[in-house]
Structure formats: C-alpha cells, structure tokens
N, C-alpha and C. Protein backbone atom coordinates (compact mmCIF):
# COMPACT_ATOMS: atom_id res chain seq x y z
N UNK A 1 90.82 116.56 83.67
CA UNK A 1 91.41 116.23 82.38
C UNK A 1 92.79 116.84 82.32
N UNK A 2 93.69 116.16 81.72
CA UNK A 2 95.03 116.67 81.55
C UNK A 2 95.23 117.08 80.10
N UNK A 3 95.99 118.13 79.93
CA UNK A 3 96.25 118.63 78.58
C UNK A 3 97.54 118.02 78.07
N UNK A 4 97.47 117.42 76.90
CA UNK A 4 98.64 116.85 76.24
C UNK A 4 98.68 117.40 74.83
N UNK A 5 99.64 118.28 74.53
CA UNK A 5 99.70 118.78 73.17
C UNK A 5 100.02 117.64 72.21
N UNK A 6 99.23 117.54 71.17
CA UNK A 6 99.51 116.53 70.15
C UNK A 6 99.81 117.24 68.85
N UNK A 7 100.82 116.80 68.18
CA UNK A 7 101.21 117.45 66.94
C UNK A 7 102.10 118.64 67.24
N UNK A 8 102.35 119.44 66.23
CA UNK A 8 103.20 120.60 66.41
C UNK A 8 102.43 121.74 67.05
N UNK A 9 103.17 122.66 67.65
CA UNK A 9 102.52 123.79 68.30
C UNK A 9 102.00 124.79 67.28
N UNK A 10 102.50 124.76 66.06
CA UNK A 10 102.03 125.70 65.04
C UNK A 10 100.62 125.35 64.55
N UNK A 11 100.24 124.07 64.64
CA UNK A 11 98.90 123.68 64.19
C UNK A 11 97.84 124.09 65.20
N UNK A 12 98.22 124.24 66.46
CA UNK A 12 97.27 124.65 67.49
C UNK A 12 96.39 123.53 67.99
N UNK A 13 96.63 122.30 67.60
CA UNK A 13 95.82 121.18 68.05
C UNK A 13 96.23 120.79 69.46
N UNK A 14 95.22 120.59 70.33
CA UNK A 14 95.47 120.17 71.71
C UNK A 14 94.52 119.05 72.05
N UNK A 15 95.00 118.11 72.83
CA UNK A 15 94.19 116.98 73.27
C UNK A 15 94.07 117.02 74.79
N UNK A 16 92.85 116.90 75.28
CA UNK A 16 92.58 116.85 76.71
C UNK A 16 92.01 115.47 77.01
N UNK A 17 92.73 114.71 77.84
CA UNK A 17 92.31 113.34 78.17
C UNK A 17 92.01 113.25 79.66
N UNK A 18 90.97 112.49 79.98
CA UNK A 18 90.64 112.22 81.37
C UNK A 18 91.58 111.13 81.86
N UNK A 19 92.07 111.26 83.09
CA UNK A 19 92.98 110.25 83.64
C UNK A 19 92.24 108.94 83.83
N UNK A 20 92.98 107.84 83.72
CA UNK A 20 92.41 106.49 83.76
C UNK A 20 91.62 106.24 85.05
N UNK A 21 92.18 106.60 86.18
CA UNK A 21 91.51 106.36 87.46
C UNK A 21 90.25 107.20 87.57
N UNK A 22 90.29 108.42 87.08
CA UNK A 22 89.10 109.27 87.13
C UNK A 22 88.00 108.73 86.21
N UNK A 23 88.38 108.13 85.11
CA UNK A 23 87.41 107.59 84.15
C UNK A 23 86.83 106.26 84.63
N UNK A 24 87.69 105.33 85.04
CA UNK A 24 87.25 103.97 85.33
C UNK A 24 87.33 103.59 86.81
N UNK A 25 87.67 104.52 87.68
CA UNK A 25 87.85 104.24 89.09
C UNK A 25 86.61 103.69 89.77
N UNK A 26 85.44 104.12 89.33
CA UNK A 26 84.19 103.65 89.93
C UNK A 26 84.04 102.13 89.78
N UNK A 27 84.61 101.58 88.74
CA UNK A 27 84.50 100.13 88.52
C UNK A 27 85.23 99.33 89.60
N UNK A 28 86.31 99.90 90.17
CA UNK A 28 87.05 99.20 91.21
C UNK A 28 86.23 99.05 92.50
N UNK A 29 85.22 99.87 92.66
CA UNK A 29 84.35 99.80 93.84
C UNK A 29 83.07 99.04 93.52
N UNK A 30 82.48 99.34 92.39
CA UNK A 30 81.14 98.82 92.08
C UNK A 30 81.17 97.33 91.72
N UNK A 31 82.17 96.87 90.99
CA UNK A 31 82.21 95.46 90.58
C UNK A 31 82.33 94.52 91.78
N UNK A 32 83.26 94.75 92.72
CA UNK A 32 83.30 93.86 93.89
C UNK A 32 82.02 93.95 94.73
N UNK A 33 81.46 95.15 94.82
CA UNK A 33 80.21 95.33 95.56
C UNK A 33 79.08 94.54 94.91
N UNK A 34 79.03 94.52 93.58
CA UNK A 34 78.00 93.75 92.87
C UNK A 34 78.16 92.26 93.14
N UNK A 35 79.41 91.76 93.14
CA UNK A 35 79.63 90.35 93.46
C UNK A 35 79.20 90.03 94.89
N UNK A 36 79.47 90.94 95.81
CA UNK A 36 79.04 90.76 97.19
C UNK A 36 77.52 90.69 97.28
N UNK A 37 76.84 91.53 96.54
CA UNK A 37 75.37 91.53 96.55
C UNK A 37 74.80 90.27 95.91
N UNK A 38 75.44 89.76 94.87
CA UNK A 38 75.00 88.50 94.26
C UNK A 38 75.16 87.37 95.27
N UNK A 39 76.30 87.34 95.96
CA UNK A 39 76.51 86.31 96.99
C UNK A 39 75.46 86.43 98.09
N UNK A 40 75.15 87.67 98.49
CA UNK A 40 74.14 87.88 99.52
C UNK A 40 72.77 87.41 99.05
N UNK A 41 72.45 87.65 97.78
CA UNK A 41 71.16 87.21 97.24
C UNK A 41 71.07 85.69 97.22
N UNK A 42 72.17 85.01 96.96
CA UNK A 42 72.16 83.55 96.94
C UNK A 42 72.15 82.96 98.36
N UNK A 43 72.79 83.64 99.29
CA UNK A 43 72.92 83.10 100.64
C UNK A 43 71.72 83.41 101.54
N UNK A 44 71.05 84.51 101.29
CA UNK A 44 69.97 84.93 102.18
C UNK A 44 68.68 85.15 101.41
N UNK A 45 67.71 84.26 101.57
CA UNK A 45 66.44 84.45 100.86
C UNK A 45 65.68 85.70 101.30
N UNK A 46 65.90 86.13 102.55
CA UNK A 46 65.20 87.33 103.04
C UNK A 46 65.66 88.59 102.32
N UNK A 47 66.92 88.63 101.91
CA UNK A 47 67.49 89.83 101.28
C UNK A 47 67.61 89.70 99.77
N UNK A 48 67.01 88.66 99.20
CA UNK A 48 67.19 88.38 97.78
C UNK A 48 66.68 89.52 96.89
N UNK A 49 65.47 90.01 97.13
CA UNK A 49 64.89 91.05 96.26
C UNK A 49 65.71 92.34 96.33
N UNK A 50 66.03 92.77 97.54
CA UNK A 50 66.81 94.00 97.70
C UNK A 50 68.20 93.86 97.08
N UNK A 51 68.80 92.70 97.24
CA UNK A 51 70.14 92.48 96.69
C UNK A 51 70.13 92.49 95.17
N UNK A 52 69.14 91.86 94.57
CA UNK A 52 69.07 91.82 93.10
C UNK A 52 68.79 93.19 92.52
N UNK A 53 67.95 93.97 93.19
CA UNK A 53 67.70 95.35 92.74
C UNK A 53 68.99 96.16 92.83
N UNK A 54 69.74 95.96 93.91
CA UNK A 54 71.01 96.66 94.07
C UNK A 54 72.04 96.23 93.02
N UNK A 55 72.02 94.98 92.63
CA UNK A 55 72.92 94.50 91.57
C UNK A 55 72.59 95.20 90.25
N UNK A 56 71.32 95.37 89.97
CA UNK A 56 70.92 96.07 88.74
C UNK A 56 71.43 97.52 88.77
N UNK A 57 71.33 98.17 89.92
CA UNK A 57 71.84 99.54 90.06
C UNK A 57 73.37 99.55 89.86
N UNK A 58 74.05 98.55 90.40
CA UNK A 58 75.51 98.46 90.21
C UNK A 58 75.87 98.29 88.73
N UNK A 59 75.10 97.50 88.03
CA UNK A 59 75.34 97.30 86.60
C UNK A 59 75.17 98.61 85.84
N UNK A 60 74.16 99.39 86.22
CA UNK A 60 73.97 100.70 85.59
C UNK A 60 75.16 101.62 85.87
N UNK A 61 75.69 101.57 87.09
CA UNK A 61 76.87 102.36 87.41
C UNK A 61 78.10 101.89 86.63
N UNK A 62 78.15 100.62 86.29
CA UNK A 62 79.28 100.10 85.50
C UNK A 62 79.24 100.59 84.06
N UNK A 63 78.09 100.97 83.57
CA UNK A 63 77.95 101.46 82.20
C UNK A 63 78.44 102.90 82.07
N UNK A 64 78.33 103.67 83.14
CA UNK A 64 78.64 105.10 83.11
C UNK A 64 80.02 105.42 82.52
N UNK A 65 81.12 104.78 82.92
CA UNK A 65 82.43 105.16 82.37
C UNK A 65 82.55 104.98 80.86
N UNK A 66 81.75 104.10 80.29
CA UNK A 66 81.87 103.82 78.87
C UNK A 66 81.10 104.82 78.00
N UNK A 67 80.23 105.61 78.60
CA UNK A 67 79.50 106.63 77.83
C UNK A 67 79.97 108.04 78.16
N UNK A 68 80.84 108.21 79.16
CA UNK A 68 81.39 109.52 79.48
C UNK A 68 82.41 109.94 78.44
N UNK A 69 82.58 111.24 78.31
CA UNK A 69 83.61 111.78 77.42
C UNK A 69 84.97 111.47 78.03
N UNK A 70 85.84 110.82 77.25
CA UNK A 70 87.17 110.48 77.76
C UNK A 70 88.25 111.42 77.24
N UNK A 71 88.04 112.00 76.07
CA UNK A 71 89.03 112.96 75.57
C UNK A 71 88.38 113.94 74.61
N UNK A 72 88.99 115.12 74.56
CA UNK A 72 88.60 116.17 73.62
C UNK A 72 89.84 116.56 72.83
N UNK A 73 89.69 116.70 71.53
CA UNK A 73 90.79 117.16 70.69
C UNK A 73 90.32 118.44 70.01
N UNK A 74 91.01 119.53 70.31
CA UNK A 74 90.66 120.84 69.79
C UNK A 74 91.63 121.19 68.68
N UNK A 75 91.09 121.40 67.48
CA UNK A 75 91.88 121.81 66.33
C UNK A 75 91.23 123.06 65.74
N UNK A 76 91.88 123.65 64.78
CA UNK A 76 91.32 124.82 64.12
C UNK A 76 90.02 124.43 63.41
N UNK A 77 88.93 125.06 63.77
CA UNK A 77 87.60 124.85 63.18
C UNK A 77 87.06 123.44 63.36
N UNK A 78 87.57 122.69 64.35
CA UNK A 78 87.09 121.33 64.54
C UNK A 78 87.29 120.92 66.00
N UNK A 79 86.30 120.21 66.53
CA UNK A 79 86.36 119.66 67.88
C UNK A 79 86.01 118.18 67.80
N UNK A 80 86.88 117.32 68.33
CA UNK A 80 86.65 115.88 68.31
C UNK A 80 86.37 115.42 69.73
N UNK A 81 85.20 114.81 69.93
CA UNK A 81 84.78 114.31 71.23
C UNK A 81 84.84 112.79 71.18
N UNK A 82 85.58 112.20 72.12
CA UNK A 82 85.78 110.75 72.10
C UNK A 82 85.27 110.11 73.38
N UNK A 83 84.46 109.06 73.22
CA UNK A 83 84.05 108.21 74.33
C UNK A 83 84.60 106.81 74.03
N UNK A 84 84.35 105.87 74.93
CA UNK A 84 84.80 104.50 74.70
C UNK A 84 84.10 103.89 73.49
N UNK A 85 82.86 104.29 73.26
CA UNK A 85 82.04 103.68 72.22
C UNK A 85 82.08 104.40 70.88
N UNK A 86 82.35 105.71 70.88
CA UNK A 86 82.29 106.45 69.61
C UNK A 86 83.21 107.66 69.62
N UNK A 87 83.41 108.21 68.45
CA UNK A 87 84.16 109.44 68.26
C UNK A 87 83.30 110.37 67.40
N UNK A 88 83.09 111.58 67.88
CA UNK A 88 82.23 112.53 67.16
C UNK A 88 83.04 113.77 66.82
N UNK A 89 82.98 114.17 65.55
CA UNK A 89 83.68 115.36 65.08
C UNK A 89 82.65 116.46 64.86
N UNK A 90 82.91 117.62 65.47
CA UNK A 90 82.00 118.76 65.36
C UNK A 90 82.77 119.91 64.71
N UNK A 91 82.21 120.46 63.67
CA UNK A 91 82.81 121.60 62.98
C UNK A 91 82.45 122.89 63.71
N UNK A 92 83.23 123.94 63.50
CA UNK A 92 83.01 125.22 64.18
C UNK A 92 81.64 125.80 63.84
N UNK A 93 81.17 125.59 62.62
CA UNK A 93 79.87 126.14 62.22
C UNK A 93 78.71 125.44 62.93
N UNK A 94 78.92 124.23 63.47
CA UNK A 94 77.88 123.49 64.17
C UNK A 94 77.77 123.87 65.64
N UNK A 95 78.78 124.54 66.18
CA UNK A 95 78.80 124.90 67.60
C UNK A 95 78.12 126.24 67.78
N UNK A 96 77.04 126.25 68.57
CA UNK A 96 76.31 127.49 68.84
C UNK A 96 76.79 128.15 70.11
N UNK A 97 77.06 127.33 71.15
CA UNK A 97 77.44 127.87 72.44
C UNK A 97 78.27 126.85 73.20
N UNK A 98 79.25 127.32 73.92
CA UNK A 98 80.07 126.45 74.77
C UNK A 98 79.95 126.95 76.20
N UNK A 99 79.52 126.06 77.08
CA UNK A 99 79.39 126.40 78.51
C UNK A 99 80.36 125.53 79.29
N UNK A 100 80.96 126.10 80.30
CA UNK A 100 81.89 125.34 81.14
C UNK A 100 81.36 125.32 82.56
N UNK A 101 81.56 124.17 83.22
CA UNK A 101 81.15 124.04 84.62
C UNK A 101 82.36 124.08 85.51
C-alpha cells in the first residue's frame, strides 16, 4: 500500500491505497486462463469435467480482488476501510486491538 496524505497535515488524516496492479493483477492471469479452460472443455470431451471445475475455481479467484481492502483512511478517532463493494467507518471506541502482519 502506498501512503498518500489527503487533506491538510494539521488534520492528521492519511490515506493508504493499494496499487492497481497489486489489487487487480490476478485478473490479468486468471481471466485468460479461464477462457482457455472453457475452450478446452468444449474441444475435449475427456477433459470436460476437470476443465469446468477449474473454470469454477478461476471464477472464485476473480472475486477475490473485489472483496479485498483497497484503501484505508486514518483520521482522528476514525478509521475508514474501503473495498470495491463497500466502505466501512470504524470509530476509535469500536477498535479493541490492531495487529499487523
């Protein structure tokens, strides 16, 4: 994630955004692979079951970038967590523990 200060420095608000390639890069590999597997399922009856199961796994991998955290906005007494689908605001009183990996 890259840090991009948003707003004035006196407010103390900071935004951390995940880079585009790091967030959605898996799609550049998985989508063409899924099309290849669909073609293989249509072309080869012997490999149809394995190919279709693999396509389902590829579809699951395509969902991952849309549910991952894409940005964090840290403000005084407030943390905003943003994914592609939603934005969640957490107050300081709601945070019990913060662990970093």
